[in-house]
PDB file of N, CA and C in Angstrom:
ATOM      1  N   MET A   1       0.966 -36.164  37.264  1.00  0.00           N
ATOM      2  CA  MET A   1       2.311 -35.668  37.002  1.00  0.00           C
ATOM      3  C   MET A   1       3.062 -36.811  36.322  1.00  0.00           C
ATOM      4  N   ASN A   2       3.662 -36.594  35.244  1.00  0.00           N
ATOM      5  CA  ASN A   2       4.412 -37.482  34.507  1.00  0.00           C
ATOM      6  C   ASN A   2       5.878 -37.132  34.481  1.00  0.00           C
ATOM      7  N   ILE A   3       6.729 -38.109  34.602  1.00  0.00           N
ATOM      8  CA  ILE A   3       8.210 -37.877  34.605  1.00  0.00           C
ATOM      9  C   ILE A   3       8.685 -38.382  33.347  1.00  0.00           C
ATOM     10  N   ASP A   4       9.420 -37.545  32.628  1.00  0.00           N
ATOM     11  CA  ASP A   4       9.949 -37.931  31.392  1.00  0.00           C
ATOM     12  C   ASP A   4      11.327 -38.658  31.724  1.00  0.00           C
ATOM     13  N   TRP A   5      11.346 -39.988  31.846  1.00  0.00           N
ATOM     14  CA  TRP A   5      12.513 -40.683  32.306  1.00  0.00           C
ATOM     15  C   TRP A   5      13.659 -40.575  31.275  1.00  0.00           C
ATOM     16  N   ALA A   6      13.383 -40.494  30.036  1.00  0.00           N
ATOM     17  CA  ALA A   6      14.467 -40.451  29.053  1.00  0.00           C
ATOM     18  C   ALA A   6      15.173 -39.096  29.227  1.00  0.00           C
ATOM     19  N   ALA A   7      14.527 -38.012  29.454  1.00  0.00           N
ATOM     20  CA  ALA A   7      15.098 -36.765  29.582  1.00  0.00           C
ATOM     21  C   ALA A   7      15.880 -36.642  30.977  1.00  0.00           C
ATOM     22  N   LEU A   8      15.312 -37.304  31.916  1.00  0.00           N
ATOM     23  CA  LEU A   8      16.025 -37.350  33.210  1.00  0.00           C
ATOM     24  C   LEU A   8      17.317 -38.160  33.113  1.00  0.00           C
ATOM     25  N   GLY A   9      17.247 -39.317  32.373  1.00  0.00           N
ATOM     26  CA  GLY A   9      18.422 -40.099  32.100  1.00  0.00           C
ATOM     27  C   GLY A   9      19.469 -39.336  31.282  1.00  0.00           C
ATOM     28  N   SER A  10      19.097 -38.656  30.308  1.00  0.00           N
ATOM     29  CA  SER A  10      19.977 -37.858  29.430  1.00  0.00           C
ATOM     30  C   SER A  10      20.708 -36.794  30.330  1.00  0.00           C
ATOM     31  N   VAL A  11      19.937 -36.075  31.126  1.00  0.00           N
ATOM     32  CA  VAL A  11      20.499 -35.036  31.921  1.00  0.00           C
ATOM     33  C   VAL A  11      21.545 -35.666  32.927  1.00  0.00           C
ATOM     34  N   PHE A  12      21.167 -36.797  33.511  1.00  0.00           N
ATOM     35  CA  PHE A  12      22.132 -37.579  34.421  1.00  0.00           C
ATOM     36  C   PHE A  12      23.413 -37.901  33.644  1.00  0.00           C
ATOM     37  N   GLY A  13      23.195 -38.474  32.568  1.00  0.00           N
ATOM     38  CA  GLY A  13      24.382 -38.960  31.674  1.00  0.00           C
ATOM     39  C   GLY A  13      25.348 -37.784  31.391  1.00  0.00           C
ATOM     40  N   VAL A  14      24.790 -36.680  30.916  1.00  0.00           N
ATOM     41  CA  VAL A  14      25.573 -35.546  30.501  1.00  0.00           C
ATOM     42  C   VAL A  14      26.258 -34.926  31.754  1.00  0.00           C
ATOM     43  N   SER A  15      25.504 -34.856  32.844  1.00  0.00           N
ATOM     44  CA  SER A  15      26.107 -34.266  34.050  1.00  0.00           C
ATOM     45  C   SER A  15      27.271 -35.143  34.587  1.00  0.00           C
ATOM     46  N   LEU A  16      27.033 -36.450  34.535  1.00  0.00           N
ATOM     47  CA  LEU A  16      28.116 -37.374  34.934  1.00  0.00           C
ATOM     48  C   LEU A  16      29.367 -37.197  34.061  1.00  0.00           C
ATOM     49  N   ALA A  17      29.202 -37.190  32.743  1.00  0.00           N
ATOM     50  CA  ALA A  17      30.345 -37.110  31.801  1.00  0.00           C
ATOM     51  C   ALA A  17      30.972 -35.808  31.913  1.00  0.00           C
ATOM     52  N   VAL A  18      30.374 -34.737  32.121  1.00  0.00           N
ATOM     53  CA  VAL A  18      30.961 -33.468  32.278  1.00  0.00           C
ATOM     54  C   VAL A  18      31.735 -33.301  33.504  1.00  0.00           C
ATOM     55  N   THR A  19      31.117 -33.855  34.598  1.00  0.00           N
ATOM     56  CA  THR A  19      31.824 -33.771  35.915  1.00  0.00           C
ATOM     57  C   THR A  19      33.137 -34.613  35.844  1.00  0.00           C
ATOM     58  N   VAL A  20      33.105 -35.681  35.328  1.00  0.00           N
ATOM     59  CA  VAL A  20      34.315 -36.586  35.235  1.00  0.00           C
ATOM     60  C   VAL A  20      35.294 -35.958  34.362  1.00  0.00           C
ATOM     61  N   ALA A  21      34.831 -35.318  33.276  1.00  0.00           N
ATOM     62  CA  ALA A  21      35.867 -34.569  32.370  1.00  0.00           C
ATOM     63  C   ALA A  21      36.479 -33.365  33.077  1.00  0.00           C
ATOM     64  N   LEU A  22      35.636 -32.614  33.806  1.00  0.00           N
ATOM     65  CA  LEU A  22      36.235 -31.447  34.540  1.00  0.00           C
ATOM     66  C   LEU A  22      37.176 -31.843  35.556  1.00  0.00           C
ATOM     67  N   VAL A  23      36.825 -32.822  36.361  1.00  0.00           N
ATOM     68  CA  VAL A  23      37.729 -33.313  37.426  1.00  0.00           C
ATOM     69  C   VAL A  23      38.991 -33.764  36.799  1.00  0.00           C
ATOM     70  N   GLY A  24      38.886 -34.628  35.668  1.00  0.00           N
ATOM     71  CA  GLY A  24      40.103 -35.115  35.017  1.00  0.00           C
ATOM     72  C   GLY A  24      41.045 -34.020  34.536  1.00  0.00           C
ATOM     73  N   LEU A  25      40.383 -32.975  33.931  1.00  0.00           N
ATOM     74  CA  LEU A  25      41.184 -31.795  33.395  1.00  0.00           C
ATOM     75  C   LEU A  25      41.824 -31.028  34.582  1.00  0.00           C
ATOM     76  N   PHE A  26      41.162 -30.986  35.622  1.00  0.00           N
ATOM     77  CA  PHE A  26      41.723 -30.171  36.750  1.00  0.00           C
ATOM     78  C   PHE A  26      42.940 -31.026  37.319  1.00  0.00           C
ATOM     79  N   THR A  27      42.726 -32.349  37.333  1.00  0.00           N
ATOM     80  CA  THR A  27      43.775 -33.272  37.892  1.00  0.00           C
ATOM     81  C   THR A  27      45.023 -33.091  36.958  1.00  0.00           C
ATOM     82  N   LEU A  28      44.775 -33.088  35.639  1.00  0.00           N
ATOM     83  CA  LEU A  28      45.911 -32.923  34.794  1.00  0.00           C
ATOM     84  C   LEU A  28      46.697 -31.578  34.957  1.00  0.00           C
ATOM     85  N   GLY A  29      45.911 -30.570  35.328  1.00  0.00           N
ATOM     86  CA  GLY A  29      46.564 -29.313  35.650  1.00  0.00           C
ATOM     87  C   GLY A  29      47.407 -29.367  36.943  1.00  0.00           C
ATOM     88  N   ILE A  30      46.919 -30.111  38.013  1.00  0.00           N
ATOM     89  CA  ILE A  30      47.592 -30.295  39.184  1.00  0.00           C
ATOM     90  C   ILE A  30      48.895 -31.087  38.860  1.00  0.00           C
ATOM     91  N   VAL A  31      48.685 -32.081  38.110  1.00  0.00           N
ATOM     92  CA  VAL A  31      49.892 -33.002  37.792  1.00  0.00           C
ATOM     93  C   VAL A  31      50.960 -32.218  37.023  1.00  0.00           C
ATOM     94  N   GLY A  32      50.490 -31.371  36.033  1.00  0.00           N
ATOM     95  CA  GLY A  32      51.399 -30.507  35.411  1.00  0.00           C
ATOM     96  C   GLY A  32      52.114 -29.612  36.285  1.00  0.00           C
ATOM     97  N   LEU A  33      51.470 -29.015  37.210  1.00  0.00           N
ATOM     98  CA  LEU A  33      52.238 -28.133  38.159  1.00  0.00           C
ATOM     99  C   LEU A  33      53.213 -28.949  39.013  1.00  0.00           C
ATOM    100  N   SER A  34      52.779 -30.100  39.328  1.00  0.00           N
ATOM    101  CA  SER A  34      53.778 -30.990  40.195  1.00  0.00           C
ATOM    102  C   SER A  34      54.951 -31.318  39.358  1.00  0.00           C
ATOM    103  N   LYS A  35      54.701 -31.680  38.120  1.00  0.00           N
ATOM    104  CA  LYS A  35      55.873 -31.915  37.205  1.00  0.00           C
ATOM    105  C   LYS A  35      56.825 -30.772  37.053  1.00  0.00           C
ATOM    106  N   ARG A  36      56.244 -29.615  36.943  1.00  0.00           N
ATOM    107  CA  ARG A  36      57.093 -28.399  36.954  1.00  0.00           C
ATOM    108  C   ARG A  36      57.955 -28.337  38.213  1.00  0.00           C
ATOM    109  N   GLU A  37      57.332 -28.555  39.257  1.00  0.00           N
ATOM    110  CA  GLU A  37      58.044 -28.443  40.577  1.00  0.00           C
ATOM    111  C   GLU A  37      59.274 -29.472  40.589  1.00  0.00           C
ATOM    112  N   ALA A  38      58.971 -30.678  40.111  1.00  0.00           N
ATOM    113  CA  ALA A  38      59.976 -31.711  40.124  1.00  0.00           C
ATOM    114  C   ALA A  38      61.122 -31.312  39.129  1.00  0.00           C
ATOM    115  N   ALA A  39      60.734 -30.769  37.946  1.00  0.00           N
ATOM    116  CA  ALA A  39      61.613 -30.482  37.019  1.00  0.00           C
ATOM    117  C   ALA A  39      62.546 -29.271  37.409  1.00  0.00           C
ATOM    118  N   THR A  40      62.098 -28.363  38.140  1.00  0.00           N
ATOM    119  CA  THR A  40      62.826 -27.178  38.569  1.00  0.00           C
ATOM    120  C   THR A  40      63.655 -27.599  39.813  1.00  0.00           C
ATOM    121  N   SER A  41      63.322 -28.613  40.554  1.00  0.00           N
ATOM    122  CA  SER A  41      64.140 -29.046  41.654  1.00  0.00           C
ATOM    123  C   SER A  41      65.308 -29.931  41.269  1.00  0.00           C
ATOM    124  N   GLY A  42      65.308 -30.318  39.958  1.00  0.00           N
ATOM    125  CA  GLY A  42      66.426 -31.112  39.503  1.00  0.00           C
ATOM    126  C   GLY A  42      66.182 -32.665  39.457  1.00  0.00           C
ATOM    127  N   ALA A  43      65.061 -33.069  39.851  1.00  0.00           N
ATOM    128  CA  ALA A  43      64.717 -34.454  39.832  1.00  0.00           C
ATOM    129  C   ALA A  43      64.134 -34.741  38.409  1.00  0.00           C
ATOM    130  N   SER A  44      64.973 -34.910  37.436  1.00  0.00           N
ATOM    131  CA  SER A  44      64.577 -35.078  36.026  1.00  0.00           C
ATOM    132  C   SER A  44      63.936 -36.428  35.790  1.00  0.00           C
ATOM    133  N   SER A  45      64.323 -37.505  36.573  1.00  0.00           N
ATOM    134  CA  SER A  45      63.674 -38.765  36.358  1.00  0.00           C
ATOM    135  C   SER A  45      62.234 -38.817  36.911  1.00  0.00           C
ATOM    136  N   ALA A  46      62.016 -38.016  37.966  1.00  0.00           N
ATOM    137  CA  ALA A  46      60.559 -37.939  38.480  1.00  0.00           C
ATOM    138  C   ALA A  46      59.805 -37.088  37.609  1.00  0.00           C
ATOM    139  N   ALA A  47      60.296 -36.152  36.842  1.00  0.00           N
ATOM    140  CA  ALA A  47      59.560 -35.323  36.117  1.00  0.00           C
ATOM    141  C   ALA A  47      59.147 -35.879  34.651  1.00  0.00           C
ATOM    142  N   GLY A  48      59.710 -37.052  34.361  1.00  0.00           N
ATOM    143  CA  GLY A  48      59.255 -37.716  33.120  1.00  0.00           C
ATOM    144  C   GLY A  48      59.966 -36.994  31.893  1.00  0.00           C
ATOM    145  N   GLY A  49      60.953 -36.235  32.038  1.00  0.00           N
ATOM    146  CA  GLY A  49      61.623 -35.592  30.869  1.00  0.00           C
ATOM    147  C   GLY A  49      60.890 -34.392  30.354  1.00  0.00           C
ATOM    148  N   THR A  50      59.863 -33.778  30.983  1.00  0.00           N
ATOM    149  CA  THR A  50      59.244 -32.591  30.589  1.00  0.00           C
ATOM    150  C   THR A  50      59.999 -31.356  30.986  1.00  0.00           C
ATOM    151  N   THR A  51      59.966 -30.355  30.205  1.00  0.00           N
ATOM    152  CA  THR A  51      60.550 -29.089  30.607  1.00  0.00           C
ATOM    153  C   THR A  51      59.627 -28.271  31.468  1.00  0.00           C
ATOM    154  N   PRO A  52      60.166 -27.391  32.368  1.00  0.00           N
ATOM    155  CA  PRO A  52      59.279 -26.729  33.213  1.00  0.00           C
ATOM    156  C   PRO A  52      58.285 -25.788  32.452  1.00  0.00           C
ATOM    157  N   VAL A  53      58.701 -25.293  31.366  1.00  0.00           N
ATOM    158  CA  VAL A  53      57.893 -24.383  30.627  1.00  0.00           C
ATOM    159  C   VAL A  53      56.618 -25.102  29.998  1.00  0.00           C
ATOM    160  N   ALA A  54      56.915 -26.235  29.447  1.00  0.00           N
ATOM    161  CA  ALA A  54      55.822 -27.059  28.929  1.00  0.00           C
ATOM    162  C   ALA A  54      54.870 -27.579  29.891  1.00  0.00           C
ATOM    163  N   ALA A  55      55.384 -28.013  31.039  1.00  0.00           N
ATOM    164  CA  ALA A  55      54.459 -28.499  32.152  1.00  0.00           C
ATOM    165  C   ALA A  55      53.657 -27.390  32.635  1.00  0.00           C
ATOM    166  N   ARG A  56      54.276 -26.093  32.836  1.00  0.00           N
ATOM    167  CA  ARG A  56      53.454 -24.963  33.296  1.00  0.00           C
ATOM    168  C   ARG A  56      52.456 -24.549  32.339  1.00  0.00           C
ATOM    169  N   THR A  57      52.796 -24.556  31.037  1.00  0.00           N
ATOM    170  CA  THR A  57      51.844 -24.010  30.011  1.00  0.00           C
ATOM    171  C   THR A  57      50.755 -25.147  29.867  1.00  0.00           C
ATOM    172  N   GLY A  58      50.947 -26.385  29.992  1.00  0.00           N
ATOM    173  CA  GLY A  58      49.960 -27.401  29.921  1.00  0.00           C
ATOM    174  C   GLY A  58      49.009 -27.252  31.080  1.00  0.00           C
ATOM    175  N   ALA A  59      49.589 -27.090  32.294  1.00  0.00           N
ATOM    176  CA  ALA A  59      48.745 -26.883  33.537  1.00  0.00           C
ATOM    177  C   ALA A  59      47.798 -25.670  33.394  1.00  0.00           C
ATOM    178  N   TYR A  60      48.390 -24.630  32.793  1.00  0.00           N
ATOM    179  CA  TYR A  60      47.610 -23.342  32.676  1.00  0.00           C
ATOM    180  C   TYR A  60      46.559 -23.461  31.648  1.00  0.00           C
ATOM    181  N   VAL A  61      46.763 -24.293  30.667  1.00  0.00           N
ATOM    182  CA  VAL A  61      45.704 -24.605  29.622  1.00  0.00           C
ATOM    183  C   VAL A  61      44.566 -25.395  30.204  1.00  0.00           C
ATOM    184  N   CYS A  62      45.001 -26.400  31.090  1.00  0.00           N
ATOM    185  CA  CYS A  62      43.978 -27.282  31.718  1.00  0.00           C
ATOM    186  C   CYS A  62      43.030 -26.272  32.636  1.00  0.00           C
ATOM    187  N   PHE A  63      43.701 -25.481  33.401  1.00  0.00           N
ATOM    188  CA  PHE A  63      43.025 -24.634  34.291  1.00  0.00           C
ATOM    189  C   PHE A  63      42.057 -23.600  33.597  1.00  0.00           C
ATOM    190  N   ALA A  64      42.545 -23.166  32.411  1.00  0.00           N
ATOM    191  CA  ALA A  64      41.776 -22.206  31.616  1.00  0.00           C
ATOM    192  C   ALA A  64      40.567 -22.930  30.981  1.00  0.00           C
ATOM    193  N   LEU A  65      40.773 -24.151  30.556  1.00  0.00           N
ATOM    194  CA  LEU A  65      39.554 -24.901  30.046  1.00  0.00           C
ATOM    195  C   LEU A  65      38.569 -25.194  31.075  1.00  0.00           C
ATOM    196  N   CYS A  66      39.073 -25.499  32.293  1.00  0.00           N
ATOM    197  CA  CYS A  66      38.116 -25.777  33.468  1.00  0.00           C
ATOM    198  C   CYS A  66      37.276 -24.361  33.787  1.00  0.00           C
ATOM    199  N   ALA A  67      37.993 -23.314  33.785  1.00  0.00           N
ATOM    200  CA  ALA A  67      37.352 -21.939  34.025  1.00  0.00           C
ATOM    201  C   ALA A  67      36.338 -21.701  32.849  1.00  0.00           C
ATOM    202  N   ALA A  68      36.796 -22.011  31.687  1.00  0.00           N
ATOM    203  CA  ALA A  68      35.779 -21.761  30.495  1.00  0.00           C
ATOM    204  C   ALA A  68      34.555 -22.603  30.601  1.00  0.00           C
ATOM    205  N   ALA A  69      34.721 -23.929  31.006  1.00  0.00           N
ATOM    206  CA  ALA A  69      33.584 -24.703  31.201  1.00  0.00           C
ATOM    207  C   ALA A  69      32.647 -24.317  32.314  1.00  0.00           C
ATOM    208  N   VAL A  70      33.222 -23.821  33.393  1.00  0.00           N
ATOM    209  CA  VAL A  70      32.408 -23.347  34.535  1.00  0.00           C
ATOM    210  C   VAL A  70      31.641 -21.964  34.106  1.00  0.00           C
ATOM    211  N   ALA A  71      32.382 -21.196  33.384  1.00  0.00           N
ATOM    212  CA  ALA A  71      31.832 -19.959  32.951  1.00  0.00           C
ATOM    213  C   ALA A  71      30.601 -20.237  31.934  1.00  0.00           C
ATOM    214  N   TYR A  72      30.713 -21.197  31.102  1.00  0.00           N
ATOM    215  CA  TYR A  72      29.731 -21.638  30.160  1.00  0.00           C
ATOM    216  C   TYR A  72      28.594 -22.162  30.899  1.00  0.00           C
ATOM    217  N   GLY A  73      28.803 -22.922  31.875  1.00  0.00           N
ATOM    218  CA  GLY A  73      27.752 -23.494  32.759  1.00  0.00           C
ATOM    219  C   GLY A  73      26.910 -22.369  33.461  1.00  0.00           C
ATOM    220  N   ILE A  74      27.656 -21.393  33.997  1.00  0.00           N
ATOM    221  CA  ILE A  74      26.898 -20.259  34.537  1.00  0.00           C
ATOM    222  C   ILE A  74      26.182 -19.408  33.537  1.00  0.00           C
ATOM    223  N   TYR A  75      26.707 -19.250  32.339  1.00  0.00           N
ATOM    224  CA  TYR A  75      25.960 -18.633  31.268  1.00  0.00           C
ATOM    225  C   TYR A  75      24.673 -19.370  30.974  1.00  0.00           C
ATOM    226  N   LEU A  76      24.806 -20.741  30.923  1.00  0.00           N
ATOM    227  CA  LEU A  76      23.575 -21.500  30.537  1.00  0.00           C
ATOM    228  C   LEU A  76      22.514 -21.341  31.664  1.00  0.00           C
ATOM    229  N   ILE A  77      23.028 -21.251  32.902  1.00  0.00           N
ATOM    230  CA  ILE A  77      22.030 -21.086  33.975  1.00  0.00           C
ATOM    231  C   ILE A  77      21.355 -19.639  33.940  1.00  0.00           C
ATOM    232  N   VAL A  78      22.111 -18.643  33.667  1.00  0.00           N
ATOM    233  CA  VAL A  78      21.586 -17.308  33.677  1.00  0.00           C
ATOM    234  C   VAL A  78      20.743 -17.019  32.537  1.00  0.00           C
ATOM    235  N   ALA A  79      21.185 -17.534  31.326  1.00  0.00           N
ATOM    236  CA  ALA A  79      20.451 -17.216  30.070  1.00  0.00           C
ATOM    237  C   ALA A  79      19.127 -17.806  29.976  1.00  0.00           C
TER     238      ALA A  79
END
């Protein structure tokens, strides 16, 4: 039994990069929703000057990209 260490390392590296990217993208979505909450409550200094619509739209885009990445992963597993 031979182990292809280069392929194993490649799979590990790609898995680590995609995991970090997805977690970061989801975190940006959560931050966008919290900025929207702060902007609608009147705390403009805590919101960083973003409008509620822009923050909500950015958060939804981040969540949509996360869902697309998960759907693509499921497609790769099934296909």
